[in-house]
Structure formats: C-alpha cells, structure tokens
Amino acid sequence: MGKKSIETEQIMHKFNSAFIHHNPAVLPALIGKDCVMEDITGPEGAKSVGYDECVTFWQALASDMEKQFTPEAIEVYGEFATIRWHFKWGNGEHDYVRGVNLMKVQNGLIVEALGYAKMNN
C-alpha cells in the first residue's frame, strides 16, 4: 500500500468517526476547498459544492444525535475510497437505508463524495 493509500485510509477513518461519535468538530480539517458532495436524496442527489457547503452539510448530519451512521466496509485504492454504510434515522422497522459513498482524496483532503443508496419501498 503506497503513501496515498495510507493517507486516504486515515482520512476515511477520521471522517467516519465524526459521524459514529457525533463529533462534527473534526470535519473542517478533512475537507478540500473545492469539494463536491452529492447526497442520496432524490434521483440525482442534492449537490453541495465548495468547502463551506460540504462542511455545513456534514456537520449538521454528524451533530444529529437521532441519526446513526455505521460503516460496514472501507476499501481504499490510492486516492479513491468506497465506504459501504448503514444509516438509521428512527426507531421504525423501515427507518434505515444501506448505501455507499465513492470518495476522492487529494493533498490530504476530501475533494469528492458521491452517495448512493438502496432505498426502502
């Protein structure tokens, strides 16, 4: 595993930890100024562009104590990573979704995060 793979893996673990432990304060140091993020809402996903929009979105999500994000697997390929996850937002039997984020890291910062989900019917 090369340097970029180790660096990318460390960043993914810090990123996931922010959501697992509801610790949004670590997120600003992980996000690149030109970051592009697409969440799982709607058929195209809502897009956040730039540092401020991405940090604001992720900090709000990480701060929400009612929601629980659980990574299932992280795979790293150089500056790219996939995160398979389970996201629960309530106590109902169908109040969850499973999905994956496709991540890109450059110069030690997240610059792209594209989210996709298996939706409950």
N, C-alpha and C. Protein backbone atom coordinates (compact mmCIF):
# COMPACT_ATOMS: atom_id res chain seq x y z
N MET A 1 0.86 -1.18 0.00
CA MET A 1 0.00 0.00 0.00
C MET A 1 0.90 1.23 0.00
N GLY A 2 0.71 2.14 -0.96
CA GLY A 2 1.52 3.34 -1.06
C GLY A 2 1.10 4.41 -0.07
N LYS A 3 1.87 5.50 -0.06
CA LYS A 3 1.61 6.60 0.87
C LYS A 3 0.19 7.14 0.72
N LYS A 4 -0.24 7.36 -0.52
CA LYS A 4 -1.58 7.90 -0.73
C LYS A 4 -2.65 6.96 -0.18
N SER A 5 -2.44 5.67 -0.30
CA SER A 5 -3.41 4.72 0.23
C SER A 5 -3.50 4.82 1.75
N ILE A 6 -2.35 4.91 2.41
CA ILE A 6 -2.34 5.03 3.87
C ILE A 6 -2.99 6.34 4.29
N GLU A 7 -2.65 7.43 3.60
CA GLU A 7 -3.22 8.74 3.91
C GLU A 7 -4.74 8.72 3.68
N THR A 8 -5.17 8.17 2.56
CA THR A 8 -6.60 8.10 2.25
C THR A 8 -7.33 7.27 3.30
N GLU A 9 -6.76 6.14 3.68
CA GLU A 9 -7.38 5.29 4.70
C GLU A 9 -7.52 6.03 6.03
N GLN A 10 -6.51 6.74 6.45
CA GLN A 10 -6.57 7.50 7.71
C GLN A 10 -7.65 8.58 7.65
N ILE A 11 -7.75 9.26 6.53
CA ILE A 11 -8.77 10.31 6.37
C ILE A 11 -10.17 9.69 6.41
N MET A 12 -10.36 8.55 5.76
CA MET A 12 -11.67 7.90 5.78
C MET A 12 -12.06 7.48 7.21
N HIS A 13 -11.11 6.99 7.98
CA HIS A 13 -11.41 6.61 9.36
C HIS A 13 -11.77 7.83 10.21
N LYS A 14 -11.08 8.94 10.03
CA LYS A 14 -11.41 10.18 10.75
C LYS A 14 -12.79 10.68 10.33
N PHE A 15 -13.06 10.65 9.03
CA PHE A 15 -14.34 11.10 8.50
C PHE A 15 -15.49 10.27 9.09
N ASN A 16 -15.36 8.95 9.02
CA ASN A 16 -16.41 8.07 9.57
C ASN A 16 -16.57 8.26 11.06
N SER A 17 -15.49 8.43 11.78
CA SER A 17 -15.53 8.62 13.23
C SER A 17 -16.37 9.84 13.62
N ALA A 18 -16.32 10.89 12.81
CA ALA A 18 -17.11 12.09 13.09
C ALA A 18 -18.60 11.78 13.16
N PHE A 19 -19.06 10.87 12.31
CA PHE A 19 -20.48 10.51 12.29
C PHE A 19 -20.82 9.44 13.33
N ILE A 20 -19.93 8.50 13.53
CA ILE A 20 -20.17 7.44 14.51
C ILE A 20 -20.28 8.04 15.91
N HIS A 21 -19.38 8.97 16.22
CA HIS A 21 -19.30 9.54 17.57
C HIS A 21 -19.95 10.91 17.68
N HIS A 22 -20.66 11.33 16.64
CA HIS A 22 -21.34 12.64 16.63
C HIS A 22 -20.38 13.74 17.04
N ASN A 23 -19.25 13.82 16.32
CA ASN A 23 -18.20 14.78 16.61
C ASN A 23 -17.92 15.63 15.36
N PRO A 24 -18.79 16.62 15.07
CA PRO A 24 -18.63 17.40 13.85
C PRO A 24 -17.40 18.29 13.82
N ALA A 25 -16.77 18.53 14.96
CA ALA A 25 -15.63 19.45 15.03
C ALA A 25 -14.43 18.97 14.22
N VAL A 26 -14.31 17.66 13.97
CA VAL A 26 -13.16 17.16 13.22
C VAL A 26 -13.31 17.34 11.70
N LEU A 27 -14.51 17.58 11.23
CA LEU A 27 -14.76 17.61 9.79
C LEU A 27 -14.08 18.75 9.03
N PRO A 28 -14.06 19.99 9.52
CA PRO A 28 -13.45 21.06 8.72
C PRO A 28 -12.01 20.79 8.29
N ALA A 29 -11.24 20.09 9.08
CA ALA A 29 -9.84 19.81 8.75
C ALA A 29 -9.69 18.72 7.69
N LEU A 30 -10.79 18.06 7.31
CA LEU A 30 -10.73 16.95 6.37
C LEU A 30 -11.22 17.30 4.96
N ILE A 31 -11.78 18.50 4.79
CA ILE A 31 -12.49 18.84 3.55
C ILE A 31 -11.69 19.83 2.71
N GLY A 32 -11.58 19.56 1.41
CA GLY A 32 -10.89 20.45 0.47
C GLY A 32 -11.75 21.64 0.08
N LYS A 33 -11.10 22.72 -0.33
CA LYS A 33 -11.82 23.96 -0.63
C LYS A 33 -12.76 23.83 -1.82
N ASP A 34 -12.45 22.94 -2.76
CA ASP A 34 -13.30 22.75 -3.94
C ASP A 34 -14.09 21.44 -3.89
N CYS A 35 -14.36 20.96 -2.70
CA CYS A 35 -15.06 19.68 -2.52
C CYS A 35 -16.43 19.71 -3.20
N VAL A 36 -16.80 18.58 -3.78
CA VAL A 36 -18.13 18.39 -4.35
C VAL A 36 -18.73 17.16 -3.69
N MET A 37 -19.95 17.31 -3.18
CA MET A 37 -20.61 16.21 -2.50
C MET A 37 -22.02 16.08 -3.05
N GLU A 38 -22.43 14.83 -3.32
CA GLU A 38 -23.81 14.55 -3.71
C GLU A 38 -24.37 13.58 -2.68
N ASP A 39 -25.49 13.97 -2.04
CA ASP A 39 -26.11 13.09 -1.05
C ASP A 39 -27.07 12.12 -1.73
N ILE A 40 -27.85 11.40 -0.96
CA ILE A 40 -28.69 10.35 -1.52
C ILE A 40 -30.14 10.78 -1.74
N THR A 41 -30.46 12.06 -1.55
CA THR A 41 -31.84 12.48 -1.72
C THR A 41 -32.19 12.63 -3.20
N GLY A 42 -33.39 12.18 -3.54
CA GLY A 42 -33.88 12.31 -4.90
C GLY A 42 -33.13 11.43 -5.89
N PRO A 43 -33.58 11.41 -7.13
CA PRO A 43 -32.96 10.54 -8.13
C PRO A 43 -31.54 10.99 -8.53
N GLU A 44 -31.23 12.25 -8.38
CA GLU A 44 -29.91 12.76 -8.76
C GLU A 44 -29.03 13.08 -7.55
N GLY A 45 -29.61 13.12 -6.37
CA GLY A 45 -28.86 13.52 -5.18
C GLY A 45 -28.70 15.02 -5.13
N ALA A 46 -28.88 15.59 -3.95
CA ALA A 46 -28.65 17.03 -3.78
C ALA A 46 -27.14 17.26 -3.77
N LYS A 47 -26.71 18.33 -4.43
CA LYS A 47 -25.29 18.59 -4.57
C LYS A 47 -24.87 19.75 -3.68
N SER A 48 -23.76 19.58 -2.98
CA SER A 48 -23.11 20.65 -2.24
C SER A 48 -21.77 20.89 -2.92
N VAL A 49 -21.45 22.15 -3.19
CA VAL A 49 -20.23 22.49 -3.90
C VAL A 49 -19.43 23.48 -3.06
N GLY A 50 -18.17 23.17 -2.87
CA GLY A 50 -17.27 24.06 -2.13
C GLY A 50 -17.17 23.68 -0.67
N TYR A 51 -16.11 24.16 -0.06
CA TYR A 51 -15.79 23.85 1.33
C TYR A 51 -16.96 24.16 2.28
N ASP A 52 -17.46 25.39 2.22
CA ASP A 52 -18.50 25.81 3.17
C ASP A 52 -19.75 24.95 3.09
N GLU A 53 -20.24 24.69 1.88
CA GLU A 53 -21.46 23.89 1.73
C GLU A 53 -21.26 22.46 2.22
N CYS A 54 -20.12 21.86 1.88
CA CYS A 54 -19.86 20.47 2.29
C CYS A 54 -19.70 20.37 3.80
N VAL A 55 -18.93 21.27 4.39
CA VAL A 55 -18.73 21.24 5.85
C VAL A 55 -20.06 21.47 6.56
N THR A 56 -20.85 22.42 6.10
CA THR A 56 -22.15 22.70 6.74
C THR A 56 -23.05 21.48 6.70
N PHE A 57 -23.15 20.83 5.54
CA PHE A 57 -23.99 19.64 5.41
C PHE A 57 -23.53 18.54 6.35
N TRP A 58 -22.23 18.21 6.28
CA TRP A 58 -21.72 17.10 7.08
C TRP A 58 -21.74 17.40 8.57
N GLN A 59 -21.48 18.63 8.98
CA GLN A 59 -21.53 18.95 10.41
C GLN A 59 -22.95 18.83 10.95
N ALA A 60 -23.94 19.24 10.17
CA ALA A 60 -25.33 19.09 10.61
C ALA A 60 -25.68 17.62 10.77
N LEU A 61 -25.26 16.80 9.84
CA LEU A 61 -25.53 15.37 9.91
C LEU A 61 -24.83 14.72 11.10
N ALA A 62 -23.57 15.06 11.30
CA ALA A 62 -22.81 14.48 12.42
C ALA A 62 -23.34 14.95 13.77
N SER A 63 -23.95 16.12 13.83
CA SER A 63 -24.48 16.68 15.09
C SER A 63 -25.81 16.07 15.49
N ASP A 64 -26.52 15.47 14.55
CA ASP A 64 -27.86 14.96 14.81
C ASP A 64 -27.79 13.65 15.60
N MET A 65 -28.09 13.74 16.88
CA MET A 65 -27.98 12.59 17.78
C MET A 65 -29.06 11.53 17.52
N GLU A 66 -30.10 11.87 16.77
CA GLU A 66 -31.17 10.93 16.46
C GLU A 66 -30.78 9.98 15.32
N LYS A 67 -29.75 10.33 14.58
CA LYS A 67 -29.35 9.54 13.43
C LYS A 67 -28.08 8.77 13.75
N GLN A 68 -28.00 7.54 13.22
CA GLN A 68 -26.84 6.70 13.48
C GLN A 68 -26.27 6.17 12.18
N PHE A 69 -25.02 6.52 11.94
CA PHE A 69 -24.28 6.07 10.77
C PHE A 69 -23.34 4.97 11.20
N THR A 70 -23.37 3.83 10.49
CA THR A 70 -22.49 2.71 10.80
C THR A 70 -21.79 2.26 9.53
N PRO A 71 -20.47 2.46 9.44
CA PRO A 71 -19.75 1.94 8.28
C PRO A 71 -19.75 0.42 8.31
N GLU A 72 -19.94 -0.19 7.15
CA GLU A 72 -19.88 -1.65 7.03
C GLU A 72 -18.54 -2.11 6.48
N ALA A 73 -17.96 -1.32 5.57
CA ALA A 73 -16.66 -1.67 5.00
C ALA A 73 -16.06 -0.44 4.35
N ILE A 74 -14.74 -0.35 4.39
CA ILE A 74 -14.00 0.72 3.72
C ILE A 74 -12.94 0.05 2.85
N GLU A 75 -12.93 0.43 1.58
CA GLU A 75 -11.92 -0.07 0.65
C GLU A 75 -11.18 1.14 0.10
N VAL A 76 -9.86 1.08 0.08
CA VAL A 76 -9.05 2.20 -0.38
C VAL A 76 -8.22 1.78 -1.58
N TYR A 77 -8.19 2.66 -2.60
CA TYR A 77 -7.46 2.42 -3.83
C TYR A 77 -6.72 3.71 -4.18
N GLY A 78 -5.53 3.90 -3.64
CA GLY A 78 -4.78 5.13 -3.89
C GLY A 78 -5.51 6.32 -3.29
N GLU A 79 -5.91 7.27 -4.14
CA GLU A 79 -6.62 8.45 -3.63
C GLU A 79 -8.14 8.26 -3.62
N PHE A 80 -8.60 7.08 -3.99
CA PHE A 80 -10.03 6.78 -4.01
C PHE A 80 -10.39 5.81 -2.89
N ALA A 81 -11.64 5.93 -2.42
CA ALA A 81 -12.13 5.01 -1.39
C ALA A 81 -13.62 4.80 -1.59
N THR A 82 -14.08 3.63 -1.17
CA THR A 82 -15.52 3.37 -1.08
C THR A 82 -15.84 3.09 0.38
N ILE A 83 -16.96 3.62 0.81
CA ILE A 83 -17.46 3.37 2.16
C ILE A 83 -18.85 2.78 2.03
N ARG A 84 -19.01 1.51 2.39
CA ARG A 84 -20.35 0.91 2.46
C ARG A 84 -20.86 1.20 3.87
N TRP A 85 -22.14 1.61 3.96
CA TRP A 85 -22.66 2.04 5.25
C TRP A 85 -24.13 1.67 5.45
N HIS A 86 -24.54 1.81 6.70
CA HIS A 86 -25.93 1.63 7.15
C HIS A 86 -26.28 2.92 7.88
N PHE A 87 -27.41 3.53 7.53
CA PHE A 87 -27.82 4.80 8.12
C PHE A 87 -29.23 4.65 8.69
N LYS A 88 -29.37 4.87 9.99
CA LYS A 88 -30.65 4.74 10.69
C LYS A 88 -31.08 6.10 11.21
N TRP A 89 -32.36 6.47 10.95
CA TRP A 89 -32.85 7.78 11.37
C TRP A 89 -34.04 7.72 12.31
N GLY A 90 -34.49 6.56 12.68
CA GLY A 90 -35.64 6.45 13.58
C GLY A 90 -35.70 5.07 14.20
N ASN A 91 -36.79 4.81 14.92
CA ASN A 91 -36.95 3.53 15.61
C ASN A 91 -37.82 2.54 14.86
N GLY A 92 -38.37 2.97 13.73
CA GLY A 92 -39.24 2.09 12.96
C GLY A 92 -38.47 1.01 12.24
N GLU A 93 -39.19 -0.02 11.90
CA GLU A 93 -38.59 -1.17 11.22
C GLU A 93 -37.98 -0.81 9.87
N HIS A 94 -38.49 0.23 9.23
CA HIS A 94 -38.00 0.63 7.92
C HIS A 94 -37.27 1.98 7.94
N ASP A 95 -36.87 2.43 9.12
CA ASP A 95 -36.22 3.74 9.26
C ASP A 95 -34.70 3.63 9.08
N TYR A 96 -34.30 3.06 7.98
CA TYR A 96 -32.87 2.93 7.69
C TYR A 96 -32.68 2.78 6.18
N VAL A 97 -31.45 2.93 5.77
CA VAL A 97 -31.07 2.71 4.39
C VAL A 97 -29.62 2.23 4.40
N ARG A 98 -29.28 1.40 3.41
CA ARG A 98 -27.89 0.99 3.21
C ARG A 98 -27.40 1.67 1.94
N GLY A 99 -26.11 1.99 1.92
CA GLY A 99 -25.59 2.66 0.74
C GLY A 99 -24.08 2.62 0.67
N VAL A 100 -23.58 3.44 -0.24
CA VAL A 100 -22.13 3.52 -0.46
C VAL A 100 -21.77 4.95 -0.84
N ASN A 101 -20.63 5.39 -0.38
CA ASN A 101 -20.05 6.66 -0.81
C ASN A 101 -18.79 6.35 -1.62
N LEU A 102 -18.66 7.05 -2.74
CA LEU A 102 -17.45 7.00 -3.54
C LEU A 102 -16.67 8.27 -3.22
N MET A 103 -15.49 8.12 -2.65
CA MET A 103 -14.73 9.24 -2.11
C MET A 103 -13.44 9.44 -2.90
N LYS A 104 -12.99 10.70 -2.95
CA LYS A 104 -11.70 11.01 -3.56
C LYS A 104 -10.96 11.97 -2.63
N VAL A 105 -9.68 11.68 -2.40
CA VAL A 105 -8.82 12.49 -1.54
C VAL A 105 -7.65 13.00 -2.37
N GLN A 106 -7.38 14.30 -2.26
CA GLN A 106 -6.20 14.88 -2.90
C GLN A 106 -5.51 15.80 -1.90
N ASN A 107 -4.20 15.71 -1.84
CA ASN A 107 -3.40 16.53 -0.93
C ASN A 107 -3.91 16.47 0.50
N GLY A 108 -4.34 15.28 0.92
CA GLY A 108 -4.76 15.07 2.29
C GLY A 108 -6.14 15.58 2.64
N LEU A 109 -6.96 15.92 1.64
CA LEU A 109 -8.30 16.45 1.89
C LEU A 109 -9.33 15.77 0.99
N ILE A 110 -10.54 15.63 1.49
CA ILE A 110 -11.64 15.07 0.70
C ILE A 110 -12.07 16.11 -0.32
N VAL A 111 -12.06 15.72 -1.60
CA VAL A 111 -12.44 16.64 -2.68
C VAL A 111 -13.70 16.18 -3.42
N GLU A 112 -14.12 14.94 -3.17
CA GLU A 112 -15.32 14.45 -3.83
C GLU A 112 -15.94 13.35 -2.98
N ALA A 113 -17.27 13.38 -2.86
CA ALA A 113 -18.01 12.36 -2.13
C ALA A 113 -19.37 12.20 -2.81
N LEU A 114 -19.56 11.06 -3.44
CA LEU A 114 -20.80 10.78 -4.15
C LEU A 114 -21.53 9.65 -3.44
N GLY A 115 -22.74 9.93 -2.94
CA GLY A 115 -23.50 8.96 -2.17
C GLY A 115 -24.58 8.28 -3.00
N TYR A 116 -24.71 6.97 -2.81
CA TYR A 116 -25.73 6.16 -3.47
C TYR A 116 -26.36 5.23 -2.43
N ALA A 117 -27.66 4.96 -2.56
CA ALA A 117 -28.34 4.17 -1.54
C ALA A 117 -29.33 3.17 -2.14
N LYS A 118 -29.55 2.08 -1.38
CA LYS A 118 -30.63 1.13 -1.64
C LYS A 118 -31.83 1.66 -0.87
N MET A 119 -32.82 2.11 -1.57
CA MET A 119 -33.96 2.73 -0.89
C MET A 119 -35.01 1.69 -0.52
N ASN A 120 -35.62 1.91 0.65
CA ASN A 120 -36.73 1.07 1.10
C ASN A 120 -38.00 1.48 0.37
N ASN A 121 -38.82 0.52 0.01
CA ASN A 121 -40.10 0.83 -0.64
C ASN A 121 -41.24 0.76 0.33
